């Protein structure tokens, strides 16, 4: 409770033994806590619900197809004559819609039927993937066309993300929400592991047209699964007011606002080297081909799967701030080390470590945002998270592209990794409330974990 009050601008103090201890008296009796009653639902509890199983299965197939395409996209840029800097520019074009459309997308998801929105945007995404397959097969794909398609694909992904997240919450009761978010993250990381491996095989055996075609086919599963789910309608407020309400809610809490600073750093420095520079690291620094690219992206995927398994347990932890911050800092160290490594074996090991810690950071941040938000605000709060994180990718992509053109891809990745570590340490020192994440949202659980005895509070306006 003390964390909850301080997170909202009040001074608060917790005293072991409660008011009696504060006044020098012996407590009348200690409160015995039943730890089992305070532990959230089991990690796999969300799987009991039919709607979640349908949602999760469709998302798994779709995400696998997305990662098949994503793993090959940068390599296709290089095959078309692009450079390491071109990878950053294409990344900018693919992610700039997140900055422009993330907040309006959250408002749309809280205003209209989320299932209809997702079906519409995912069907359009399937068309984009099919178009890429046709353009490559006919020899008409150019870097200019690829850039334009990157903008369209990025826009569709941005518009569908808050609605997707809002639908996730509607597939389970509130007590199983953390389980659902953690399992959804596990599905994402399984797809991230399988997708690059499939992409490496398809690139070597059949070429990019099959990669893009496989992604198009994968959308059939998600469209079929979503069609079987019930409608997900929201409050229907004016869009402009909804955006402001979501922003005020998120930044009105110190711990959540501090986490958003970490998301900004991750979007600018943490994600671009992984999202855009891995093909250049594979081809230029490690002097490899599709197999090397598949090994690096597969290493990230393996680490991410292992991290998601750990996330299933950590999502039940009342205070999520400490493991979230640790994951952020270790990810930065792994990125920096990849930038100077010239050994494929060492680089793959580092990608496993980075994938593990990165998914802990990103996964716990999504659990926090989902769990702290009401049904009416969840899509908008998630959209603010996306704007802070993915919305910064365009700037990170351009920055990393400039560094790659100046220093080479390896040193660009090194600079990005060092910036993540230094920035994370600065946030930790200047905004220690980032360590309250979860405590500020679930004060009862945090109190139970530290002192089940009553607390005394002294409150005054900050």
Protein backbone atom coordinates (compact mmCIF):
# COMPACT_ATOMS: atom_id res chain seq x y z
CA UNK A 1 0.00 0.00 0.00
CA UNK A 2 2.90 2.35 0.75
CA UNK A 3 4.25 1.84 -2.77
CA UNK A 4 0.75 2.34 -4.20
CA UNK A 5 0.38 5.72 -2.49
CA UNK A 6 3.88 6.94 -3.28
CA UNK A 7 3.40 5.91 -6.89
CA UNK A 8 0.52 8.38 -7.08
CA UNK A 9 2.27 11.34 -5.53
CA UNK A 10 1.79 10.87 -1.77
CA UNK A 11 4.32 10.33 1.00
CA UNK A 12 3.77 6.93 2.59
CA UNK A 13 5.61 4.84 5.14
CA UNK A 14 5.25 1.17 6.02
CA UNK A 15 6.10 0.13 9.59
CA UNK A 16 6.45 -3.53 10.56
CA UNK A 17 4.04 -4.23 13.38
CA UNK A 18 1.53 -1.61 12.29
CA UNK A 19 0.22 1.30 14.34
CA UNK A 20 0.92 -0.52 17.62
CA UNK A 21 4.61 -0.84 16.81
CA UNK A 22 4.74 2.79 15.68
CA UNK A 23 3.36 3.86 19.07
CA UNK A 24 5.62 1.51 21.03
CA UNK A 25 2.92 -0.99 21.95
CA UNK A 26 2.99 -4.75 21.45
CA UNK A 27 0.80 -5.75 18.48
CA UNK A 28 -2.41 -7.44 19.58
CA UNK A 29 -1.78 -10.24 17.12
CA UNK A 30 -0.02 -10.92 13.91
CA UNK A 31 -1.92 -11.47 10.74
CA UNK A 32 -1.17 -14.92 9.44
CA UNK A 33 -1.16 -14.96 5.70
CA UNK A 34 -2.12 -17.89 3.57
CA UNK A 35 0.53 -17.75 0.90
CA UNK A 36 -1.42 -20.06 -1.36
CA UNK A 37 -4.39 -17.71 -1.37
CA UNK A 38 -2.18 -14.79 -2.41
CA UNK A 39 -0.45 -16.52 -5.28
CA UNK A 40 -2.14 -15.63 -8.58
CA UNK A 41 -3.65 -18.31 -10.73
CA UNK A 42 -1.36 -21.04 -12.00
CA UNK A 43 0.84 -20.15 -14.93
CA UNK A 44 -1.20 -22.32 -17.30
CA UNK A 45 -4.62 -21.31 -15.94
CA UNK A 46 -5.57 -19.38 -19.09
CA UNK A 47 -5.52 -22.61 -21.12
CA UNK A 48 -8.69 -23.72 -19.35
CA UNK A 49 -10.68 -21.22 -21.41
CA UNK A 50 -11.83 -22.13 -24.93
CA UNK A 51 -11.67 -18.58 -26.26
CA UNK A 52 -8.06 -18.21 -25.15
CA UNK A 53 -7.10 -21.51 -26.77
CA UNK A 54 -8.61 -20.40 -30.08
CA UNK A 55 -6.96 -17.01 -29.85
CA UNK A 56 -3.58 -18.46 -28.89
CA UNK A 57 -3.54 -21.12 -31.62
CA UNK A 58 -4.39 -18.62 -34.34
CA UNK A 59 -1.79 -16.15 -33.09
CA UNK A 60 0.90 -18.85 -32.95
CA UNK A 61 0.44 -19.76 -36.63
CA UNK A 62 0.27 -16.13 -37.72
CA UNK A 63 3.31 -15.07 -35.70
CA UNK A 64 5.34 -17.99 -37.02
CA UNK A 65 4.60 -16.77 -40.55
CA UNK A 66 5.49 -13.21 -39.57
CA UNK A 67 8.85 -14.30 -38.20
CA UNK A 68 9.52 -16.38 -41.30
CA UNK A 69 9.14 -13.19 -43.33
CA UNK A 70 10.90 -10.91 -40.82
CA UNK A 71 13.95 -13.16 -40.66
CA UNK A 72 14.30 -13.03 -44.46
CA UNK A 73 13.27 -9.40 -45.04
CA UNK A 74 16.64 -7.85 -44.25
CA UNK A 75 18.45 -10.48 -46.27
CA UNK A 76 16.24 -9.68 -49.25
CA UNK A 77 17.26 -6.02 -48.87
CA UNK A 78 20.89 -7.07 -49.23
CA UNK A 79 20.09 -9.34 -52.18
CA UNK A 80 18.49 -6.36 -53.93
CA UNK A 81 21.73 -4.40 -53.58
CA UNK A 82 21.08 -2.60 -50.33
CA UNK A 83 23.73 -1.88 -47.70
CA UNK A 84 23.78 -2.04 -43.91
CA UNK A 85 22.57 1.57 -43.88
CA UNK A 86 19.71 0.58 -46.21
CA UNK A 87 18.56 -1.93 -43.58
CA UNK A 88 18.15 0.95 -41.14
CA UNK A 89 16.24 3.05 -43.66
CA UNK A 90 13.84 0.19 -44.46
CA UNK A 91 13.44 -0.31 -40.72
CA UNK A 92 12.56 3.37 -40.36
CA UNK A 93 9.88 3.08 -43.03
CA UNK A 94 8.45 -0.06 -41.44
CA UNK A 95 8.26 1.42 -37.95
CA UNK A 96 7.39 5.10 -38.47
CA UNK A 97 3.65 4.21 -38.50
CA UNK A 98 4.00 3.16 -34.85
CA UNK A 99 4.89 6.71 -33.90
CA UNK A 100 2.07 8.25 -35.93
CA UNK A 101 -0.71 5.69 -35.48
CA UNK A 102 -0.17 3.88 -32.17
CA UNK A 103 -2.24 6.22 -29.98
CA UNK A 104 -5.12 6.58 -32.48
CA UNK A 105 -5.07 2.78 -32.90
CA UNK A 106 -5.58 2.36 -29.16
CA UNK A 107 -8.52 4.75 -29.22
CA UNK A 108 -10.05 2.87 -32.17
CA UNK A 109 -9.72 -0.42 -30.29
CA UNK A 110 -11.53 1.05 -27.29
CA UNK A 111 -14.28 2.50 -29.48
CA UNK A 112 -15.13 -0.18 -32.05
CA UNK A 113 -15.48 -3.96 -32.13
CA UNK A 114 -11.93 -5.25 -31.70
CA UNK A 115 -12.52 -8.56 -33.46
CA UNK A 116 -13.77 -6.79 -36.59
CA UNK A 117 -10.76 -4.47 -36.58
CA UNK A 118 -8.31 -7.34 -36.24
CA UNK A 119 -9.98 -9.40 -38.96
CA UNK A 120 -9.88 -6.40 -41.31
CA UNK A 121 -6.24 -5.52 -40.70
CA UNK A 122 -5.00 -9.11 -40.71
CA UNK A 123 -6.74 -9.85 -44.00
CA UNK A 124 -5.01 -6.81 -45.50
CA UNK A 125 -1.68 -8.07 -44.10
CA UNK A 126 -2.24 -11.40 -45.84
CA UNK A 127 -2.67 -9.51 -49.09
CA UNK A 128 0.62 -7.65 -48.55
CA UNK A 129 2.50 -10.91 -47.97
CA UNK A 130 0.99 -12.43 -51.11
CA UNK A 131 1.97 -9.31 -53.09
CA UNK A 132 5.59 -9.65 -51.95
CA UNK A 133 5.65 -13.27 -53.10
CA UNK A 134 4.32 -12.33 -56.54
CA UNK A 135 6.71 -9.40 -56.96
CA UNK A 136 9.76 -11.50 -56.12
CA UNK A 137 8.64 -14.43 -58.28
CA UNK A 138 8.15 -12.11 -61.26
CA UNK A 139 11.45 -10.29 -60.71
CA UNK A 140 9.75 -6.91 -60.26
CA UNK A 141 10.57 -6.27 -56.59
CA UNK A 142 12.85 -3.27 -56.06
CA UNK A 143 14.17 -1.49 -53.00
CA UNK A 144 11.71 1.36 -53.65
CA UNK A 145 8.76 -1.03 -53.75
CA UNK A 146 10.08 -2.83 -50.70
CA UNK A 147 10.20 0.47 -48.82
CA UNK A 148 6.63 1.31 -49.78
CA UNK A 149 5.41 -2.13 -48.76
CA UNK A 150 7.28 -1.74 -45.45
CA UNK A 151 5.22 1.39 -44.71
CA UNK A 152 1.94 -0.37 -45.53
CA UNK A 153 2.81 -3.46 -43.50
CA UNK A 154 3.96 -1.37 -40.56
CA UNK A 155 0.74 0.64 -40.63
CA UNK A 156 -1.44 -2.47 -40.62
CA UNK A 157 0.54 -4.01 -37.77
CA UNK A 158 0.30 -0.81 -35.72
CA UNK A 159 -3.45 -0.49 -36.23
CA UNK A 160 -4.12 -4.10 -35.24
CA UNK A 161 -1.84 -4.32 -32.17
CA UNK A 162 -4.04 -2.60 -29.51
CA UNK A 163 -7.14 -4.45 -30.72
CA UNK A 164 -5.22 -7.74 -30.55
CA UNK A 165 -4.15 -7.01 -26.98
CA UNK A 166 -7.65 -5.95 -25.99
CA UNK A 167 -9.04 -9.19 -27.39
CA UNK A 168 -6.51 -11.18 -25.37
CA UNK A 169 -7.90 -9.74 -22.14
CA UNK A 170 -11.44 -10.60 -23.20
CA UNK A 171 -10.66 -14.30 -23.63
CA UNK A 172 -10.05 -14.93 -19.89
CA UNK A 173 -11.42 -13.69 -16.56
CA UNK A 174 -9.36 -11.07 -14.77
CA UNK A 175 -7.79 -13.52 -12.33
CA UNK A 176 -6.22 -15.43 -15.25
CA UNK A 177 -5.03 -12.36 -17.17
CA UNK A 178 -1.38 -12.55 -16.10
CA UNK A 179 -1.35 -16.21 -17.13
CA UNK A 180 -2.82 -15.29 -20.52
CA UNK A 181 -0.27 -12.52 -21.14
CA UNK A 182 2.63 -14.79 -20.17
CA UNK A 183 1.36 -17.67 -22.34
CA UNK A 184 0.80 -15.28 -25.23
CA UNK A 185 4.41 -14.15 -24.85
CA UNK A 186 5.49 -17.80 -24.91
CA UNK A 187 3.59 -18.27 -28.19
CA UNK A 188 5.36 -15.23 -29.61
CA UNK A 189 8.77 -16.60 -28.66
CA UNK A 190 8.03 -20.11 -29.94
CA UNK A 191 7.12 -18.46 -33.24
CA UNK A 192 10.29 -16.39 -33.04
CA UNK A 193 12.28 -19.61 -32.64
CA UNK A 194 10.53 -21.59 -35.38
CA UNK A 195 10.16 -18.75 -37.90
CA UNK A 196 13.85 -17.98 -38.54
CA UNK A 197 14.69 -21.68 -38.78
CA UNK A 198 11.97 -22.13 -41.39
CA UNK A 199 13.11 -18.95 -43.17
CA UNK A 200 16.72 -20.16 -43.36
CA UNK A 201 15.59 -23.47 -44.86
CA UNK A 202 13.22 -21.82 -47.36
CA UNK A 203 15.78 -19.20 -48.40
CA UNK A 204 18.41 -21.85 -49.07
CA UNK A 205 16.09 -24.39 -50.71
CA UNK A 206 13.51 -22.35 -52.58
CA UNK A 207 14.15 -18.60 -52.36
CA UNK A 208 12.33 -15.54 -50.99
CA UNK A 209 9.08 -16.10 -52.90
CA UNK A 210 8.38 -19.18 -50.77
CA UNK A 211 9.17 -17.24 -47.61
CA UNK A 212 6.62 -14.55 -48.42
CA UNK A 213 4.11 -17.15 -49.57
CA UNK A 214 4.43 -19.08 -46.30
CA UNK A 215 3.65 -15.90 -44.37
CA UNK A 216 0.54 -15.28 -46.48
CA UNK A 217 -0.74 -18.81 -45.84
CA UNK A 218 -0.19 -18.45 -42.08
CA UNK A 219 -2.82 -15.71 -41.88
CA UNK A 220 -5.51 -18.26 -42.72
CA UNK A 221 -5.12 -19.78 -39.25
CA UNK A 222 -5.45 -16.52 -37.35
CA UNK A 223 -8.43 -15.38 -39.43
CA UNK A 224 -10.19 -18.70 -38.84
CA UNK A 225 -9.52 -18.64 -35.11
CA UNK A 226 -10.63 -15.04 -34.68
CA UNK A 227 -13.82 -15.65 -36.65
CA UNK A 228 -14.89 -18.19 -34.00
CA UNK A 229 -14.44 -15.74 -31.12
CA UNK A 230 -17.27 -13.55 -29.84
CA UNK A 231 -17.40 -9.85 -30.65
CA UNK A 232 -15.38 -7.57 -28.39
CA UNK A 233 -17.09 -4.22 -28.08
CA UNK A 234 -15.88 -1.22 -26.10
CA UNK A 235 -17.16 1.95 -24.49
CA UNK A 236 -17.55 4.13 -27.57
CA UNK A 237 -16.12 7.46 -26.39
CA UNK A 238 -14.82 10.21 -28.63
CA UNK A 239 -11.40 9.26 -30.00
CA UNK A 240 -9.59 12.50 -29.10
CA UNK A 241 -10.71 12.31 -25.48
CA UNK A 242 -9.79 8.64 -25.29
CA UNK A 243 -6.19 9.30 -26.35
CA UNK A 244 -5.67 11.95 -23.68
CA UNK A 245 -7.25 9.80 -21.01
CA UNK A 246 -4.94 6.90 -21.77
CA UNK A 247 -1.81 9.08 -21.70
CA UNK A 248 -2.83 10.71 -18.39
CA UNK A 249 -3.51 7.33 -16.83
CA UNK A 250 -0.12 5.87 -17.74
CA UNK A 251 2.01 8.88 -16.83
CA UNK A 252 0.05 9.57 -13.67
CA UNK A 253 1.87 6.66 -12.01
CA UNK A 254 5.54 7.12 -11.27
CA UNK A 255 6.59 3.50 -11.61
CA UNK A 256 4.77 3.08 -14.92
CA UNK A 257 6.13 6.39 -16.22
CA UNK A 258 9.66 5.27 -15.27
CA UNK A 259 9.12 2.00 -17.13
CA UNK A 260 8.11 3.99 -20.21
CA UNK A 261 11.51 5.72 -20.11
CA UNK A 262 13.10 2.28 -20.33
CA UNK A 263 10.78 1.46 -23.24
CA UNK A 264 11.96 4.63 -25.01
CA UNK A 265 15.58 3.59 -24.56
CA UNK A 266 14.81 0.08 -25.78
CA UNK A 267 13.05 1.44 -28.85
CA UNK A 268 15.90 3.79 -29.78
CA UNK A 269 18.96 1.71 -28.87
CA UNK A 270 17.92 -1.83 -27.87
CA UNK A 271 15.71 -3.14 -30.65
CA UNK A 272 17.23 -1.62 -33.85
CA UNK A 273 20.48 -3.63 -33.72
CA UNK A 274 18.48 -6.85 -33.31
CA UNK A 275 15.70 -5.99 -35.74
CA UNK A 276 17.79 -4.44 -38.52
CA UNK A 277 21.51 -5.23 -38.14
CA UNK A 278 21.55 -9.00 -37.64
CA UNK A 279 21.58 -9.69 -41.43
CA UNK A 280 24.54 -7.30 -41.79
CA UNK A 281 26.33 -8.90 -38.81
CA UNK A 282 25.82 -12.32 -40.41
CA UNK A 283 26.96 -11.34 -43.87
CA UNK A 284 29.57 -8.63 -43.29
CA UNK A 285 31.09 -9.20 -39.83
CA UNK A 286 30.82 -13.00 -39.66
CA UNK A 287 31.20 -13.51 -43.45
CA UNK A 288 28.30 -15.95 -43.58
CA UNK A 289 25.16 -16.61 -45.61
CA UNK A 290 21.58 -17.76 -44.94
CA UNK A 291 22.81 -20.47 -42.58
CA UNK A 292 24.65 -17.94 -40.42
CA UNK A 293 21.63 -15.67 -40.40
CA UNK A 294 19.43 -18.59 -39.40
CA UNK A 295 21.82 -19.53 -36.58
CA UNK A 296 21.82 -16.00 -35.13
CA UNK A 297 18.09 -15.46 -35.38
CA UNK A 298 17.49 -19.00 -34.16
CA UNK A 299 19.69 -18.25 -31.13
CA UNK A 300 17.57 -15.21 -30.35
CA UNK A 301 14.47 -17.34 -30.71
CA UNK A 302 15.80 -20.11 -28.46
CA UNK A 303 16.72 -17.62 -25.75
CA UNK A 304 13.33 -16.00 -26.11
CA UNK A 305 11.53 -19.32 -25.65
CA UNK A 306 13.53 -20.05 -22.51
CA UNK A 307 12.86 -16.53 -21.30
CA UNK A 308 9.14 -16.99 -21.85
CA UNK A 309 9.18 -20.13 -19.70
CA UNK A 310 10.82 -18.08 -16.95
CA UNK A 311 8.24 -15.36 -17.59
CA UNK A 312 5.43 -17.79 -16.71
CA UNK A 313 6.82 -17.89 -13.18
CA UNK A 314 7.94 -14.26 -12.90
CA UNK A 315 4.55 -12.99 -14.08
CA UNK A 316 3.18 -14.32 -10.75
CA UNK A 317 5.79 -12.30 -8.80
CA UNK A 318 4.21 -9.32 -6.97
CA UNK A 319 7.19 -7.03 -7.64
CA UNK A 320 8.16 -7.28 -11.30
CA UNK A 321 10.40 -4.22 -11.35
CA UNK A 322 13.60 -5.94 -10.24
CA UNK A 323 13.68 -8.78 -12.85
CA UNK A 324 12.47 -6.34 -15.52
CA UNK A 325 15.38 -3.98 -14.87
CA UNK A 326 17.87 -6.85 -14.70
CA UNK A 327 16.63 -8.18 -18.04
CA UNK A 328 17.01 -4.73 -19.58
CA UNK A 329 20.62 -4.28 -18.44
CA UNK A 330 21.84 -7.78 -19.36
CA UNK A 331 20.23 -7.44 -22.79
CA UNK A 332 22.26 -4.28 -23.36
CA UNK A 333 25.46 -6.06 -22.37
CA UNK A 334 24.71 -8.93 -24.76
CA UNK A 335 24.03 -6.52 -27.64
CA UNK A 336 27.30 -4.68 -27.02
CA UNK A 337 29.23 -7.97 -26.97
CA UNK A 338 27.65 -9.14 -30.24
CA UNK A 339 28.93 -5.93 -31.81
CA UNK A 340 32.57 -6.87 -31.17
CA UNK A 341 32.35 -10.66 -31.58
CA UNK A 342 33.91 -12.24 -34.66
CA UNK A 343 33.15 -15.81 -33.59
CA UNK A 344 29.94 -17.42 -34.80
CA UNK A 345 29.79 -19.69 -31.74
CA UNK A 346 30.20 -16.80 -29.30
CA UNK A 347 27.74 -14.65 -31.23
CA UNK A 348 25.09 -17.37 -31.15
CA UNK A 349 25.59 -17.83 -27.39
CA UNK A 350 25.22 -14.08 -26.91
CA UNK A 351 22.01 -14.07 -28.96
CA UNK A 352 20.61 -16.76 -26.66
CA UNK A 353 21.44 -14.65 -23.58
CA UNK A 354 20.06 -11.50 -25.21
CA UNK A 355 16.90 -13.28 -26.31
CA UNK A 356 16.34 -14.68 -22.82
CA UNK A 357 16.77 -11.38 -21.00
CA UNK A 358 15.08 -9.30 -23.68
CA UNK A 359 11.87 -11.29 -23.48
CA UNK A 360 11.88 -10.98 -19.70
CA UNK A 361 12.03 -7.21 -20.02
CA UNK A 362 9.45 -6.85 -22.78
CA UNK A 363 7.21 -9.62 -21.46
CA UNK A 364 7.09 -8.30 -17.90
CA UNK A 365 6.39 -4.80 -19.20
CA UNK A 366 3.35 -6.06 -21.11
CA UNK A 367 2.15 -8.02 -18.08
CA UNK A 368 2.40 -4.87 -15.95
CA UNK A 369 0.51 -2.71 -18.44
CA UNK A 370 -2.23 -5.29 -18.97
CA UNK A 371 -2.68 -6.09 -15.27
CA UNK A 372 -2.72 -2.44 -14.15
CA UNK A 373 -5.35 -1.35 -16.68
CA UNK A 374 -9.12 -1.58 -16.55
CA UNK A 375 -11.08 -3.03 -19.45
CA UNK A 376 -12.03 0.49 -20.55
CA UNK A 377 -8.42 1.71 -20.63
CA UNK A 378 -6.47 -1.43 -21.54
CA UNK A 379 -6.17 -0.89 -25.28
CA UNK A 380 -5.21 2.76 -24.82
CA UNK A 381 -2.63 1.95 -22.13
CA UNK A 382 -1.20 -0.74 -24.41
CA UNK A 383 -1.09 1.80 -27.25
CA UNK A 384 0.93 4.20 -25.08
CA UNK A 385 3.34 1.32 -24.37
CA UNK A 386 3.60 0.66 -28.13
CA UNK A 387 4.15 4.35 -28.91
CA UNK A 388 6.93 4.58 -26.31
CA UNK A 389 8.62 1.36 -27.42
CA UNK A 390 7.92 0.54 -31.05
CA UNK A 391 7.18 4.19 -31.86
CA UNK A 392 10.82 5.04 -31.20
CA UNK A 393 12.10 2.41 -33.62
CA UNK A 394 12.09 4.80 -36.61
CA UNK A 395 14.55 7.08 -34.86
CA UNK A 396 16.56 4.12 -33.64
CA UNK A 397 16.63 2.68 -37.15
CA UNK A 398 17.96 5.92 -38.63
CA UNK A 399 20.49 6.33 -35.83
CA UNK A 400 21.74 2.78 -36.22
CA UNK A 401 21.82 3.18 -39.99
CA UNK A 402 23.96 6.30 -39.63
CA UNK A 403 26.28 4.58 -37.18
CA UNK A 404 26.57 1.57 -39.53
CA UNK A 405 27.48 3.82 -42.47
CA UNK A 406 30.07 5.60 -40.33
CA UNK A 407 31.52 2.84 -38.14
CA UNK A 408 30.33 -0.38 -39.75
CA UNK A 409 27.55 -2.68 -38.51
CA UNK A 410 29.56 -4.25 -35.67
CA UNK A 411 30.58 -0.99 -34.04
CA UNK A 412 27.08 0.43 -34.56
CA UNK A 413 25.66 -2.49 -32.57
CA UNK A 414 28.33 -1.95 -29.89
CA UNK A 415 27.38 1.72 -29.47
CA UNK A 416 23.69 0.81 -29.22
CA UNK A 417 24.36 -1.82 -26.55
CA UNK A 418 26.48 0.54 -24.43
CA UNK A 419 23.75 3.18 -24.68
CA UNK A 420 21.18 0.67 -23.36
CA UNK A 421 23.32 -0.16 -20.33
CA UNK A 422 24.23 3.44 -19.49
CA UNK A 423 20.65 4.61 -19.99
CA UNK A 424 19.23 1.81 -17.84
CA UNK A 425 21.63 2.56 -14.99
CA UNK A 426 20.75 6.27 -15.18
CA UNK A 427 17.02 5.51 -14.95
CA UNK A 428 17.61 3.19 -12.00
CA UNK A 429 19.59 5.87 -10.14
CA UNK A 430 17.32 8.81 -10.94
CA UNK A 431 13.95 7.02 -10.92
CA UNK A 432 14.22 4.19 -8.34
CA UNK A 433 10.44 3.79 -8.43
CA UNK A 434 10.97 1.64 -11.53
CA UNK A 435 11.66 -1.09 -8.98
CA UNK A 436 8.06 -0.85 -7.68
CA UNK A 437 6.45 -2.24 -10.82
CA UNK A 438 3.71 -4.56 -9.69
CA UNK A 439 3.94 -3.34 -6.09
CA UNK A 440 2.27 -0.12 -7.17
CA UNK A 441 -0.36 -2.11 -9.06
CA UNK A 442 -0.86 -4.93 -6.55
CA UNK A 443 -0.07 -3.43 -3.14
CA UNK A 444 -1.73 -6.24 -1.17
CA UNK A 445 0.47 -8.87 -2.79
CA UNK A 446 3.63 -6.88 -2.19
CA UNK A 447 2.76 -6.33 1.45
CA UNK A 448 2.07 -10.02 1.87
CA UNK A 449 5.46 -10.81 0.41
CA UNK A 450 7.37 -8.44 2.71
CA UNK A 451 5.40 -8.07 5.94
CA UNK A 452 2.02 -9.72 6.45
CA UNK A 453 1.57 -7.69 9.62
CA UNK A 454 -0.50 -4.48 9.41
CA UNK A 455 1.17 -1.32 8.15
CA UNK A 456 0.96 2.23 9.40
CA UNK A 457 0.63 4.94 6.79
CA UNK A 458 1.34 8.63 7.04
CA UNK A 459 -0.09 10.37 4.01
CA UNK A 460 0.21 13.92 2.79
CA UNK A 461 0.07 15.58 -0.57
CA UNK A 462 3.40 15.52 -2.37
